[in-house]
């Protein structure tokens, strides 16, 4: 189901003119590296992708599925694209060493992004 979901997300992004370079993830989160749309804001893209994919996933036999309310969106320099693709391809292995939550906190702190734990996780 995971591979089909990632393919569905990639196709949805393609339809929104924001093609995915890679979609991947593990049981509790997904990573998408895509080009930016020229006609939609990031918030619109996320909303449209979450809405469409939620309906599709439910139709595939998971009626209680829902995405968390929030999301993180970060820019990536052209010189970092290959390393981000490698990172996304290796999620299973990576999260054996560090949980997604711990990694996300570390990332936010490393780049000086203020956050409140009460609003980061559903």
PDB file of N, CA and C in Angstrom:
ATOM      1  N   UNK A   1       0.824  -1.200   0.000  1.00  0.00           N
ATOM      2  CA  UNK A   1       0.000   0.000   0.000  1.00  0.00           C
ATOM      3  C   UNK A   1       0.870   1.267   0.000  1.00  0.00           C
ATOM      4  N   UNK A   2       2.001   1.195   0.698  1.00  0.00           N
ATOM      5  CA  UNK A   2       2.861   2.378   0.796  1.00  0.00           C
ATOM      6  C   UNK A   2       3.336   2.843  -0.585  1.00  0.00           C
ATOM      7  N   UNK A   3       3.829   1.915  -1.397  1.00  0.00           N
ATOM      8  CA  UNK A   3       4.322   2.286  -2.726  1.00  0.00           C
ATOM      9  C   UNK A   3       3.205   2.871  -3.586  1.00  0.00           C
ATOM     10  N   UNK A   4       2.021   2.285  -3.505  1.00  0.00           N
ATOM     11  CA  UNK A   4       0.880   2.810  -4.278  1.00  0.00           C
ATOM     12  C   UNK A   4       0.490   4.205  -3.792  1.00  0.00           C
ATOM     13  N   UNK A   5       0.559   4.431  -2.495  1.00  0.00           N
ATOM     14  CA  UNK A   5       0.249   5.754  -1.949  1.00  0.00           C
ATOM     15  C   UNK A   5       1.269   6.779  -2.423  1.00  0.00           C
ATOM     16  N   UNK A   6       2.533   6.423  -2.382  1.00  0.00           N
ATOM     17  CA  UNK A   6       3.571   7.338  -2.855  1.00  0.00           C
ATOM     18  C   UNK A   6       3.385   7.654  -4.337  1.00  0.00           C
ATOM     19  N   UNK A   7       3.026   6.650  -5.133  1.00  0.00           N
ATOM     20  CA  UNK A   7       2.766   6.867  -6.558  1.00  0.00           C
ATOM     21  C   UNK A   7       1.553   7.786  -6.751  1.00  0.00           C
ATOM     22  N   UNK A   8       0.516   7.586  -5.927  1.00  0.00           N
ATOM     23  CA  UNK A   8      -0.669   8.447  -6.007  1.00  0.00           C
ATOM     24  C   UNK A   8      -0.301   9.895  -5.681  1.00  0.00           C
ATOM     25  N   UNK A   9       0.499  10.092  -4.638  1.00  0.00           N
ATOM     26  CA  UNK A   9       0.926  11.441  -4.267  1.00  0.00           C
ATOM     27  C   UNK A   9       1.711  12.089  -5.408  1.00  0.00           C
ATOM     28  N   UNK A  10       2.616  11.334  -6.013  1.00  0.00           N
ATOM     29  CA  UNK A  10       3.421  11.860  -7.120  1.00  0.00           C
ATOM     30  C   UNK A  10       2.534  12.248  -8.303  1.00  0.00           C
ATOM     31  N   UNK A  11       1.557  11.437  -8.607  1.00  0.00           N
ATOM     32  CA  UNK A  11       0.650  11.740  -9.727  1.00  0.00           C
ATOM     33  C   UNK A  11      -0.196  12.973  -9.421  1.00  0.00           C
ATOM     34  N   UNK A  12      -0.647  13.098  -8.194  1.00  0.00           N
ATOM     35  CA  UNK A  12      -1.426  14.275  -7.789  1.00  0.00           C
ATOM     36  C   UNK A  12      -0.579  15.537  -7.938  1.00  0.00           C
ATOM     37  N   UNK A  13       0.654  15.488  -7.500  1.00  0.00           N
ATOM     38  CA  UNK A  13       1.553  16.636  -7.635  1.00  0.00           C
ATOM     39  C   UNK A  13       1.793  16.976  -9.105  1.00  0.00           C
ATOM     40  N   UNK A  14       1.966  15.970  -9.924  1.00  0.00           N
ATOM     41  CA  UNK A  14       2.147  16.188 -11.362  1.00  0.00           C
ATOM     42  C   UNK A  14       0.935  16.915 -11.946  1.00  0.00           C
ATOM     43  N   UNK A  15      -0.260  16.483 -11.556  1.00  0.00           N
ATOM     44  CA  UNK A  15      -1.490  17.122 -12.036  1.00  0.00           C
ATOM     45  C   UNK A  15      -1.577  18.582 -11.596  1.00  0.00           C
ATOM     46  N   UNK A  16      -0.958  18.908 -10.468  1.00  0.00           N
ATOM     47  CA  UNK A  16      -0.963  20.277  -9.943  1.00  0.00           C
ATOM     48  C   UNK A  16       0.213  21.107 -10.470  1.00  0.00           C
ATOM     49  N   UNK A  17       0.928  20.559 -11.439  1.00  0.00           N
ATOM     50  CA  UNK A  17       2.077  21.242 -12.065  1.00  0.00           C
ATOM     51  C   UNK A  17       3.189  21.545 -11.061  1.00  0.00           C
ATOM     52  N   UNK A  18       3.369  20.631 -10.112  1.00  0.00           N
ATOM     53  CA  UNK A  18       4.475  20.717  -9.167  1.00  0.00           C
ATOM     54  C   UNK A  18       5.100  19.330  -9.053  1.00  0.00           C
ATOM     55  N   UNK A  19       5.792  18.914 -10.113  1.00  0.00           N
ATOM     56  CA  UNK A  19       6.245  17.526 -10.209  1.00  0.00           C
ATOM     57  C   UNK A  19       7.167  17.096  -9.072  1.00  0.00           C
ATOM     58  N   UNK A  20       6.903  15.885  -8.588  1.00  0.00           N
ATOM     59  CA  UNK A  20       7.722  15.305  -7.527  1.00  0.00           C
ATOM     60  C   UNK A  20       9.002  14.741  -8.121  1.00  0.00           C
ATOM     61  N   UNK A  21      10.109  15.007  -7.460  1.00  0.00           N
ATOM     62  CA  UNK A  21      11.369  14.366  -7.813  1.00  0.00           C
ATOM     63  C   UNK A  21      11.449  13.014  -7.122  1.00  0.00           C
ATOM     64  N   UNK A  22      10.870  12.937  -5.919  1.00  0.00           N
ATOM     65  CA  UNK A  22      10.779  11.680  -5.173  1.00  0.00           C
ATOM     66  C   UNK A  22       9.715  11.830  -4.082  1.00  0.00           C
ATOM     67  N   UNK A  23       9.023  10.738  -3.827  1.00  0.00           N
ATOM     68  CA  UNK A  23       8.082  10.638  -2.715  1.00  0.00           C
ATOM     69  C   UNK A  23       8.470   9.386  -1.949  1.00  0.00           C
ATOM     70  N   UNK A  24       8.617   9.502  -0.653  1.00  0.00           N
ATOM     71  CA  UNK A  24       8.974   8.348   0.153  1.00  0.00           C
ATOM     72  C   UNK A  24       8.667   8.595   1.605  1.00  0.00           C
ATOM     73  N   UNK A  25       8.826   7.576   2.397  1.00  0.00           N
ATOM     74  CA  UNK A  25       8.574   7.740   3.816  1.00  0.00           C
ATOM     75  C   UNK A  25       8.398   6.412   4.497  1.00  0.00           C
ATOM     76  N   UNK A  26       7.942   6.467   5.716  1.00  0.00           N
ATOM     77  CA  UNK A  26       7.702   5.275   6.526  1.00  0.00           C
ATOM     78  C   UNK A  26       6.282   5.340   7.064  1.00  0.00           C
ATOM     79  N   UNK A  27       5.958   4.467   8.001  1.00  0.00           N
ATOM     80  CA  UNK A  27       4.574   4.324   8.462  1.00  0.00           C
ATOM     81  C   UNK A  27       3.953   5.608   9.004  1.00  0.00           C
ATOM     82  N   UNK A  28       4.759   6.472   9.650  1.00  0.00           N
ATOM     83  CA  UNK A  28       4.155   7.625  10.318  1.00  0.00           C
ATOM     84  C   UNK A  28       4.399   8.972   9.641  1.00  0.00           C
ATOM     85  N   UNK A  29       5.058   8.992   8.489  1.00  0.00           N
ATOM     86  CA  UNK A  29       5.233  10.260   7.790  1.00  0.00           C
ATOM     87  C   UNK A  29       5.699  10.037   6.355  1.00  0.00           C
ATOM     88  N   UNK A  30       5.580  11.090   5.578  1.00  0.00           N
ATOM     89  CA  UNK A  30       5.996  11.035   4.178  1.00  0.00           C
ATOM     90  C   UNK A  30       6.878  12.240   3.885  1.00  0.00           C
ATOM     91  N   UNK A  31       7.847  12.036   3.000  1.00  0.00           N
ATOM     92  CA  UNK A  31       8.691  13.125   2.517  1.00  0.00           C
ATOM     93  C   UNK A  31       8.444  13.269   1.026  1.00  0.00           C
ATOM     94  N   UNK A  32       8.326  14.499   0.585  1.00  0.00           N
ATOM     95  CA  UNK A  32       8.144  14.793  -0.832  1.00  0.00           C
ATOM     96  C   UNK A  32       9.160  15.845  -1.224  1.00  0.00           C
ATOM     97  N   UNK A  33       9.920  15.562  -2.241  1.00  0.00           N
ATOM     98  CA  UNK A  33      10.804  16.555  -2.828  1.00  0.00           C
ATOM     99  C   UNK A  33      10.221  16.862  -4.201  1.00  0.00           C
ATOM    100  N   UNK A  34       9.804  18.089  -4.383  1.00  0.00           N
ATOM    101  CA  UNK A  34       9.164  18.456  -5.647  1.00  0.00           C
ATOM    102  C   UNK A  34       9.597  19.841  -6.087  1.00  0.00           C
ATOM    103  N   UNK A  35       9.331  20.116  -7.334  1.00  0.00           N
ATOM    104  CA  UNK A  35       9.523  21.468  -7.822  1.00  0.00           C
ATOM    105  C   UNK A  35       8.367  22.312  -7.292  1.00  0.00           C
ATOM    106  N   UNK A  36       8.567  23.610  -7.243  1.00  0.00           N
ATOM    107  CA  UNK A  36       7.500  24.492  -6.788  1.00  0.00           C
ATOM    108  C   UNK A  36       6.545  24.816  -7.938  1.00  0.00           C
ATOM    109  N   UNK A  37       5.302  24.956  -7.592  1.00  0.00           N
ATOM    110  CA  UNK A  37       4.296  25.352  -8.565  1.00  0.00           C
ATOM    111  C   UNK A  37       4.421  26.841  -8.874  1.00  0.00           C
ATOM    112  N   UNK A  38       4.110  27.197 -10.091  1.00  0.00           N
ATOM    113  CA  UNK A  38       4.062  28.621 -10.435  1.00  0.00           C
ATOM    114  C   UNK A  38       2.664  29.185 -10.245  1.00  0.00           C
ATOM    115  N   UNK A  39       1.674  28.313 -10.013  1.00  0.00           N
ATOM    116  CA  UNK A  39       0.287  28.768  -9.940  1.00  0.00           C
ATOM    117  C   UNK A  39      -0.391  28.504  -8.602  1.00  0.00           C
ATOM    118  N   UNK A  40       0.245  27.730  -7.724  1.00  0.00           N
ATOM    119  CA  UNK A  40      -0.342  27.411  -6.422  1.00  0.00           C
ATOM    120  C   UNK A  40       0.666  27.711  -5.320  1.00  0.00           C
ATOM    121  N   UNK A  41       0.170  28.164  -4.180  1.00  0.00           N
ATOM    122  CA  UNK A  41       1.039  28.337  -3.016  1.00  0.00           C
ATOM    123  C   UNK A  41       1.347  26.960  -2.414  1.00  0.00           C
ATOM    124  N   UNK A  42       2.351  26.904  -1.571  1.00  0.00           N
ATOM    125  CA  UNK A  42       2.680  25.650  -0.894  1.00  0.00           C
ATOM    126  C   UNK A  42       1.487  25.183  -0.066  1.00  0.00           C
ATOM    127  N   UNK A  43       0.843  26.101   0.630  1.00  0.00           N
ATOM    128  CA  UNK A  43      -0.321  25.736   1.452  1.00  0.00           C
ATOM    129  C   UNK A  43      -1.431  25.134   0.591  1.00  0.00           C
ATOM    130  N   UNK A  44      -1.675  25.696  -0.578  1.00  0.00           N
ATOM    131  CA  UNK A  44      -2.699  25.141  -1.474  1.00  0.00           C
ATOM    132  C   UNK A  44      -2.321  23.742  -1.945  1.00  0.00           C
ATOM    133  N   UNK A  45      -1.061  23.575  -2.311  1.00  0.00           N
ATOM    134  CA  UNK A  45      -0.598  22.260  -2.765  1.00  0.00           C
ATOM    135  C   UNK A  45      -0.797  21.226  -1.666  1.00  0.00           C
ATOM    136  N   UNK A  46      -0.362  21.546  -0.455  1.00  0.00           N
ATOM    137  CA  UNK A  46      -0.492  20.606   0.663  1.00  0.00           C
ATOM    138  C   UNK A  46      -1.959  20.267   0.902  1.00  0.00           C
ATOM    139  N   UNK A  47      -2.808  21.283   0.918  1.00  0.00           N
ATOM    140  CA  UNK A  47      -4.235  21.044   1.145  1.00  0.00           C
ATOM    141  C   UNK A  47      -4.829  20.141   0.064  1.00  0.00           C
ATOM    142  N   UNK A  48      -4.526  20.430  -1.186  1.00  0.00           N
ATOM    143  CA  UNK A  48      -5.072  19.632  -2.290  1.00  0.00           C
ATOM    144  C   UNK A  48      -4.538  18.202  -2.277  1.00  0.00           C
ATOM    145  N   UNK A  49      -3.259  18.043  -1.989  1.00  0.00           N
ATOM    146  CA  UNK A  49      -2.663  16.705  -1.943  1.00  0.00           C
ATOM    147  C   UNK A  49      -3.231  15.904  -0.766  1.00  0.00           C
ATOM    148  N   UNK A  50      -3.340  16.533   0.394  1.00  0.00           N
ATOM    149  CA  UNK A  50      -3.874  15.823   1.558  1.00  0.00           C
ATOM    150  C   UNK A  50      -5.346  15.428   1.336  1.00  0.00           C
ATOM    151  N   UNK A  51      -6.142  16.341   0.816  1.00  0.00           N
ATOM    152  CA  UNK A  51      -7.567  16.064   0.599  1.00  0.00           C
ATOM    153  C   UNK A  51      -7.751  14.932  -0.397  1.00  0.00           C
ATOM    154  N   UNK A  52      -7.104  15.045  -1.536  1.00  0.00           N
ATOM    155  CA  UNK A  52      -7.235  14.034  -2.581  1.00  0.00           C
ATOM    156  C   UNK A  52      -6.731  12.673  -2.110  1.00  0.00           C
ATOM    157  N   UNK A  53      -5.558  12.653  -1.507  1.00  0.00           N
ATOM    158  CA  UNK A  53      -4.977  11.373  -1.088  1.00  0.00           C
ATOM    159  C   UNK A  53      -5.748  10.750   0.074  1.00  0.00           C
ATOM    160  N   UNK A  54      -6.287  11.564   0.973  1.00  0.00           N
ATOM    161  CA  UNK A  54      -7.098  11.012   2.069  1.00  0.00           C
ATOM    162  C   UNK A  54      -8.302  10.261   1.518  1.00  0.00           C
ATOM    163  N   UNK A  55      -8.982  10.868   0.563  1.00  0.00           N
ATOM    164  CA  UNK A  55     -10.142  10.209  -0.052  1.00  0.00           C
ATOM    165  C   UNK A  55      -9.716   8.916  -0.740  1.00  0.00           C
ATOM    166  N   UNK A  56      -8.604   8.963  -1.462  1.00  0.00           N
ATOM    167  CA  UNK A  56      -8.132   7.784  -2.175  1.00  0.00           C
ATOM    168  C   UNK A  56      -7.739   6.671  -1.203  1.00  0.00           C
ATOM    169  N   UNK A  57      -6.986   7.015  -0.168  1.00  0.00           N
ATOM    170  CA  UNK A  57      -6.535   6.010   0.812  1.00  0.00           C
ATOM    171  C   UNK A  57      -7.743   5.364   1.494  1.00  0.00           C
ATOM    172  N   UNK A  58      -8.732   6.163   1.840  1.00  0.00           N
ATOM    173  CA  UNK A  58      -9.945   5.611   2.457  1.00  0.00           C
ATOM    174  C   UNK A  58     -10.649   4.653   1.510  1.00  0.00           C
ATOM    175  N   UNK A  59     -10.654   4.994   0.211  1.00  0.00           N
ATOM    176  CA  UNK A  59     -11.293   4.119  -0.776  1.00  0.00           C
ATOM    177  C   UNK A  59     -10.532   2.812  -0.980  1.00  0.00           C
ATOM    178  N   UNK A  60      -9.284   2.773  -0.518  1.00  0.00           N
ATOM    179  CA  UNK A  60      -8.453   1.582  -0.656  1.00  0.00           C
ATOM    180  C   UNK A  60      -8.559   0.646   0.546  1.00  0.00           C
ATOM    181  N   UNK A  61      -9.513   0.919   1.438  1.00  0.00           N
ATOM    182  CA  UNK A  61      -9.748   0.008   2.554  1.00  0.00           C
ATOM    183  C   UNK A  61      -9.241   0.481   3.901  1.00  0.00           C
ATOM    184  N   UNK A  62      -8.855   1.750   4.009  1.00  0.00           N
ATOM    185  CA  UNK A  62      -8.434   2.303   5.301  1.00  0.00           C
ATOM    186  C   UNK A  62      -9.358   3.466   5.683  1.00  0.00           C
ATOM    187  N   UNK A  63     -10.599   3.169   6.044  1.00  0.00           N
ATOM    188  CA  UNK A  63     -11.602   4.226   6.258  1.00  0.00           C
ATOM    189  C   UNK A  63     -11.287   5.208   7.381  1.00  0.00           C
ATOM    190  N   UNK A  64     -10.427   4.834   8.318  1.00  0.00           N
ATOM    191  CA  UNK A  64     -10.130   5.744   9.437  1.00  0.00           C
ATOM    192  C   UNK A  64      -8.873   6.581   9.199  1.00  0.00           C
ATOM    193  N   UNK A  65      -8.271   6.482   8.004  1.00  0.00           N
ATOM    194  CA  UNK A  65      -7.040   7.214   7.720  1.00  0.00           C
ATOM    195  C   UNK A  65      -7.267   8.722   7.759  1.00  0.00           C
ATOM    196  N   UNK A  66      -6.278   9.439   8.288  1.00  0.00           N
ATOM    197  CA  UNK A  66      -6.259  10.902   8.168  1.00  0.00           C
ATOM    198  C   UNK A  66      -4.822  11.380   8.320  1.00  0.00           C
ATOM    199  N   UNK A  67      -4.499  12.445   7.627  1.00  0.00           N
ATOM    200  CA  UNK A  67      -3.203  13.096   7.789  1.00  0.00           C
ATOM    201  C   UNK A  67      -3.250  13.950   9.044  1.00  0.00           C
ATOM    202  N   UNK A  68      -2.110  14.216   9.648  1.00  0.00           N
ATOM    203  CA  UNK A  68      -2.096  15.179  10.746  1.00  0.00           C
ATOM    204  C   UNK A  68      -2.416  16.557  10.172  1.00  0.00           C
ATOM    205  N   UNK A  69      -2.808  17.473  11.023  1.00  0.00           N
ATOM    206  CA  UNK A  69      -3.189  18.805  10.555  1.00  0.00           C
ATOM    207  C   UNK A  69      -2.020  19.596   9.996  1.00  0.00           C
ATOM    208  N   UNK A  70      -0.875  19.506  10.611  1.00  0.00           N
ATOM    209  CA  UNK A  70       0.261  20.319  10.211  1.00  0.00           C
ATOM    210  C   UNK A  70       1.134  19.679   9.146  1.00  0.00           C
ATOM    211  N   UNK A  71       2.170  20.421   8.780  1.00  0.00           N
ATOM    212  CA  UNK A  71       3.163  19.928   7.839  1.00  0.00           C
ATOM    213  C   UNK A  71       4.393  20.816   7.936  1.00  0.00           C
ATOM    214  N   UNK A  72       5.480  20.344   7.412  1.00  0.00           N
ATOM    215  CA  UNK A  72       6.688  21.156   7.307  1.00  0.00           C
ATOM    216  C   UNK A  72       7.038  21.285   5.837  1.00  0.00           C
ATOM    217  N   UNK A  73       7.442  22.460   5.440  1.00  0.00           N
ATOM    218  CA  UNK A  73       7.864  22.690   4.051  1.00  0.00           C
ATOM    219  C   UNK A  73       9.160  23.489   4.084  1.00  0.00           C
ATOM    220  N   UNK A  74      10.168  22.983   3.379  1.00  0.00           N
ATOM    221  CA  UNK A  74      11.492  23.588   3.402  1.00  0.00           C
ATOM    222  C   UNK A  74      12.036  23.670   1.991  1.00  0.00           C
ATOM    223  N   UNK A  75      12.774  24.720   1.706  1.00  0.00           N
ATOM    224  CA  UNK A  75      13.417  24.831   0.402  1.00  0.00           C
ATOM    225  C   UNK A  75      14.733  24.056   0.429  1.00  0.00           C
ATOM    226  N   UNK A  76      15.150  23.636  -0.754  1.00  0.00           N
ATOM    227  CA  UNK A  76      16.383  22.873  -0.903  1.00  0.00           C
ATOM    228  C   UNK A  76      17.159  23.485  -2.059  1.00  0.00           C
ATOM    229  N   UNK A  77      18.445  23.749  -1.849  1.00  0.00           N
ATOM    230  CA  UNK A  77      19.263  24.284  -2.933  1.00  0.00           C
ATOM    231  C   UNK A  77      19.492  23.199  -3.984  1.00  0.00           C
ATOM    232  N   UNK A  78      19.735  23.622  -5.207  1.00  0.00           N
ATOM    233  CA  UNK A  78      19.983  22.676  -6.295  1.00  0.00           C
ATOM    234  C   UNK A  78      21.152  21.756  -5.962  1.00  0.00           C
ATOM    235  N   UNK A  79      22.137  22.264  -5.265  1.00  0.00           N
ATOM    236  CA  UNK A  79      23.306  21.444  -4.929  1.00  0.00           C
ATOM    237  C   UNK A  79      22.988  20.367  -3.890  1.00  0.00           C
ATOM    238  N   UNK A  80      21.858  20.473  -3.198  1.00  0.00           N
ATOM    239  CA  UNK A  80      21.498  19.497  -2.168  1.00  0.00           C
ATOM    240  C   UNK A  80      20.471  18.475  -2.643  1.00  0.00           C
ATOM    241  N   UNK A  81      19.984  18.605  -3.857  1.00  0.00           N
ATOM    242  CA  UNK A  81      18.918  17.729  -4.337  1.00  0.00           C
ATOM    243  C   UNK A  81      19.314  16.255  -4.262  1.00  0.00           C
ATOM    244  N   UNK A  82      20.495  15.910  -4.721  1.00  0.00           N
ATOM    245  CA  UNK A  82      20.912  14.503  -4.707  1.00  0.00           C
ATOM    246  C   UNK A  82      20.971  13.941  -3.295  1.00  0.00           C
ATOM    247  N   UNK A  83      21.473  14.718  -2.338  1.00  0.00           N
ATOM    248  CA  UNK A  83      21.556  14.212  -0.965  1.00  0.00           C
ATOM    249  C   UNK A  83      20.168  14.081  -0.341  1.00  0.00           C
ATOM    250  N   UNK A  84      19.247  14.960  -0.693  1.00  0.00           N
ATOM    251  CA  UNK A  84      17.872  14.852  -0.181  1.00  0.00           C
ATOM    252  C   UNK A  84      17.193  13.625  -0.781  1.00  0.00           C
ATOM    253  N   UNK A  85      17.404  13.368  -2.061  1.00  0.00           N
ATOM    254  CA  UNK A  85      16.847  12.166  -2.682  1.00  0.00           C
ATOM    255  C   UNK A  85      17.389  10.920  -1.978  1.00  0.00           C
ATOM    256  N   UNK A  86      18.687  10.880  -1.730  1.00  0.00           N
ATOM    257  CA  UNK A  86      19.297   9.751  -1.027  1.00  0.00           C
ATOM    258  C   UNK A  86      18.679   9.587   0.359  1.00  0.00           C
ATOM    259  N   UNK A  87      18.516  10.678   1.076  1.00  0.00           N
ATOM    260  CA  UNK A  87      17.911  10.651   2.408  1.00  0.00           C
ATOM    261  C   UNK A  87      16.497  10.064   2.340  1.00  0.00           C
ATOM    262  N   UNK A  88      15.689  10.524   1.407  1.00  0.00           N
ATOM    263  CA  UNK A  88      14.309  10.035   1.294  1.00  0.00           C
ATOM    264  C   UNK A  88      14.292   8.554   0.919  1.00  0.00           C
ATOM    265  N   UNK A  89      15.175   8.132   0.052  1.00  0.00           N
ATOM    266  CA  UNK A  89      15.241   6.726  -0.351  1.00  0.00           C
ATOM    267  C   UNK A  89      15.603   5.812   0.813  1.00  0.00           C
ATOM    268  N   UNK A  90      16.263   6.333   1.818  1.00  0.00           N
ATOM    269  CA  UNK A  90      16.774   5.513   2.918  1.00  0.00           C
ATOM    270  C   UNK A  90      16.082   5.776   4.249  1.00  0.00           C
ATOM    271  N   UNK A  91      14.808   6.120   4.216  1.00  0.00           N
ATOM    272  CA  UNK A  91      14.057   6.418   5.431  1.00  0.00           C
ATOM    273  C   UNK A  91      14.023   5.267   6.430  1.00  0.00           C
ATOM    274  N   UNK A  92      13.755   4.072   5.960  1.00  0.00           N
ATOM    275  CA  UNK A  92      13.652   2.917   6.872  1.00  0.00           C
ATOM    276  C   UNK A  92      14.935   2.776   7.696  1.00  0.00           C
ATOM    277  N   UNK A  93      16.057   2.779   7.026  1.00  0.00           N
ATOM    278  CA  UNK A  93      17.343   2.626   7.706  1.00  0.00           C
ATOM    279  C   UNK A  93      17.629   3.808   8.630  1.00  0.00           C
ATOM    280  N   UNK A  94      17.374   4.998   8.131  1.00  0.00           N
ATOM    281  CA  UNK A  94      17.661   6.205   8.901  1.00  0.00           C
ATOM    282  C   UNK A  94      16.894   6.219  10.224  1.00  0.00           C
ATOM    283  N   UNK A  95      15.610   5.846  10.180  1.00  0.00           N
ATOM    284  CA  UNK A  95      14.795   5.936  11.387  1.00  0.00           C
ATOM    285  C   UNK A  95      14.985   4.758  12.338  1.00  0.00           C
ATOM    286  N   UNK A  96      15.856   3.848  12.001  1.00  0.00           N
ATOM    287  CA  UNK A  96      16.272   2.837  12.985  1.00  0.00           C
ATOM    288  C   UNK A  96      17.203   3.476  14.006  1.00  0.00           C
ATOM    289  N   UNK A  97      17.892   4.549  13.583  1.00  0.00           N
ATOM    290  CA  UNK A  97      18.857   5.223  14.456  1.00  0.00           C
ATOM    291  C   UNK A  97      18.244   6.414  15.201  1.00  0.00           C
ATOM    292  N   UNK A  98      17.255   7.066  14.610  1.00  0.00           N
ATOM    293  CA  UNK A  98      16.664   8.258  15.230  1.00  0.00           C
ATOM    294  C   UNK A  98      15.192   8.344  14.827  1.00  0.00           C
ATOM    295  N   UNK A  99      14.326   8.605  15.803  1.00  0.00           N
ATOM    296  CA  UNK A  99      12.902   8.714  15.481  1.00  0.00           C
ATOM    297  C   UNK A  99      12.651   9.972  14.649  1.00  0.00           C
ATOM    298  N   UNK A 100      11.561   9.952  13.924  1.00  0.00           N
ATOM    299  CA  UNK A 100      11.189  11.115  13.135  1.00  0.00           C
ATOM    300  C   UNK A 100      11.020  12.343  14.031  1.00  0.00           C
ATOM    301  N   UNK A 101      10.348  12.180  15.173  1.00  0.00           N
ATOM    302  CA  UNK A 101      10.113  13.303  16.069  1.00  0.00           C
ATOM    303  C   UNK A 101      11.435  13.913  16.556  1.00  0.00           C
ATOM    304  N   UNK A 102      12.372  13.072  16.973  1.00  0.00           N
ATOM    305  CA  UNK A 102      13.666  13.587  17.434  1.00  0.00           C
ATOM    306  C   UNK A 102      14.420  14.275  16.298  1.00  0.00           C
ATOM    307  N   UNK A 103      14.377  13.681  15.133  1.00  0.00           N
ATOM    308  CA  UNK A 103      15.060  14.278  13.988  1.00  0.00           C
ATOM    309  C   UNK A 103      14.447  15.629  13.614  1.00  0.00           C
ATOM    310  N   UNK A 104      13.132  15.717  13.644  1.00  0.00           N
ATOM    311  CA  UNK A 104      12.450  16.962  13.283  1.00  0.00           C
ATOM    312  C   UNK A 104      12.783  18.071  14.283  1.00  0.00           C
ATOM    313  N   UNK A 105      12.774  17.737  15.569  1.00  0.00           N
ATOM    314  CA  UNK A 105      13.157  18.718  16.585  1.00  0.00           C
ATOM    315  C   UNK A 105      14.586  19.217  16.351  1.00  0.00           C
ATOM    316  N   UNK A 106      15.499  18.290  16.099  1.00  0.00           N
ATOM    317  CA  UNK A 106      16.900  18.634  15.840  1.00  0.00           C
ATOM    318  C   UNK A 106      17.026  19.543  14.619  1.00  0.00           C
ATOM    319  N   UNK A 107      16.300  19.213  13.568  1.00  0.00           N
ATOM    320  CA  UNK A 107      16.316  20.011  12.339  1.00  0.00           C
ATOM    321  C   UNK A 107      15.839  21.440  12.612  1.00  0.00           C
ATOM    322  N   UNK A 108      14.713  21.572  13.306  1.00  0.00           N
ATOM    323  CA  UNK A 108      14.175  22.895  13.620  1.00  0.00           C
ATOM    324  C   UNK A 108      15.152  23.703  14.471  1.00  0.00           C
ATOM    325  N   UNK A 109      15.743  23.069  15.466  1.00  0.00           N
ATOM    326  CA  UNK A 109      16.710  23.761  16.319  1.00  0.00           C
ATOM    327  C   UNK A 109      17.957  24.152  15.533  1.00  0.00           C
ATOM    328  N   UNK A 110      18.469  23.235  14.709  1.00  0.00           N
ATOM    329  CA  UNK A 110      19.690  23.488  13.926  1.00  0.00           C
ATOM    330  C   UNK A 110      19.532  24.722  13.033  1.00  0.00           C
ATOM    331  N   UNK A 111      18.352  24.917  12.479  1.00  0.00           N
ATOM    332  CA  UNK A 111      18.137  26.026  11.552  1.00  0.00           C
ATOM    333  C   UNK A 111      17.426  27.218  12.193  1.00  0.00           C
ATOM    334  N   UNK A 112      17.342  27.216  13.523  1.00  0.00           N
ATOM    335  CA  UNK A 112      16.811  28.360  14.238  1.00  0.00           C
ATOM    336  C   UNK A 112      15.336  28.625  14.013  1.00  0.00           C
ATOM    337  N   UNK A 113      14.568  27.566  13.810  1.00  0.00           N
ATOM    338  CA  UNK A 113      13.130  27.711  13.578  1.00  0.00           C
ATOM    339  C   UNK A 113      12.408  27.535  14.911  1.00  0.00           C
ATOM    340  N   UNK A 114      11.755  28.591  15.364  1.00  0.00           N
ATOM    341  CA  UNK A 114      11.029  28.535  16.632  1.00  0.00           C
ATOM    342  C   UNK A 114       9.818  27.616  16.492  1.00  0.00           C
ATOM    343  N   UNK A 115       9.547  26.835  17.531  1.00  0.00           N
ATOM    344  CA  UNK A 115       8.386  25.959  17.516  1.00  0.00           C
ATOM    345  C   UNK A 115       7.917  25.707  18.934  1.00  0.00           C
ATOM    346  N   UNK A 116       6.669  25.310  19.036  1.00  0.00           N
ATOM    347  CA  UNK A 116       6.055  24.965  20.316  1.00  0.00           C
ATOM    348  C   UNK A 116       5.577  23.528  20.205  1.00  0.00           C
ATOM    349  N   UNK A 117       6.105  22.653  21.048  1.00  0.00           N
ATOM    350  CA  UNK A 117       5.749  21.224  20.997  1.00  0.00           C
ATOM    351  C   UNK A 117       4.242  20.980  20.994  1.00  0.00           C
ATOM    352  N   UNK A 118       3.481  21.849  21.639  1.00  0.00           N
ATOM    353  CA  UNK A 118       2.044  21.656  21.704  1.00  0.00           C
ATOM    354  C   UNK A 118       1.388  21.698  20.338  1.00  0.00           C
ATOM    355  N   UNK A 119       2.047  22.332  19.361  1.00  0.00           N
ATOM    356  CA  UNK A 119       1.445  22.519  18.050  1.00  0.00           C
ATOM    357  C   UNK A 119       2.159  21.762  16.939  1.00  0.00           C
ATOM    358  N   UNK A 120       3.175  20.994  17.277  1.00  0.00           N
ATOM    359  CA  UNK A 120       3.944  20.300  16.242  1.00  0.00           C
ATOM    360  C   UNK A 120       3.342  18.923  15.925  1.00  0.00           C
ATOM    361  N   UNK A 121       2.842  18.230  16.926  1.00  0.00           N
ATOM    362  CA  UNK A 121       2.357  16.853  16.728  1.00  0.00           C
ATOM    363  C   UNK A 121       0.866  16.776  16.984  1.00  0.00           C
ATOM    364  N   UNK A 122       0.186  15.960  16.207  1.00  0.00           N
ATOM    365  CA  UNK A 122      -1.246  15.669  16.443  1.00  0.00           C
ATOM    366  C   UNK A 122      -1.358  14.518  17.394  1.00  0.00           C
TER     367      UNK A 122
END
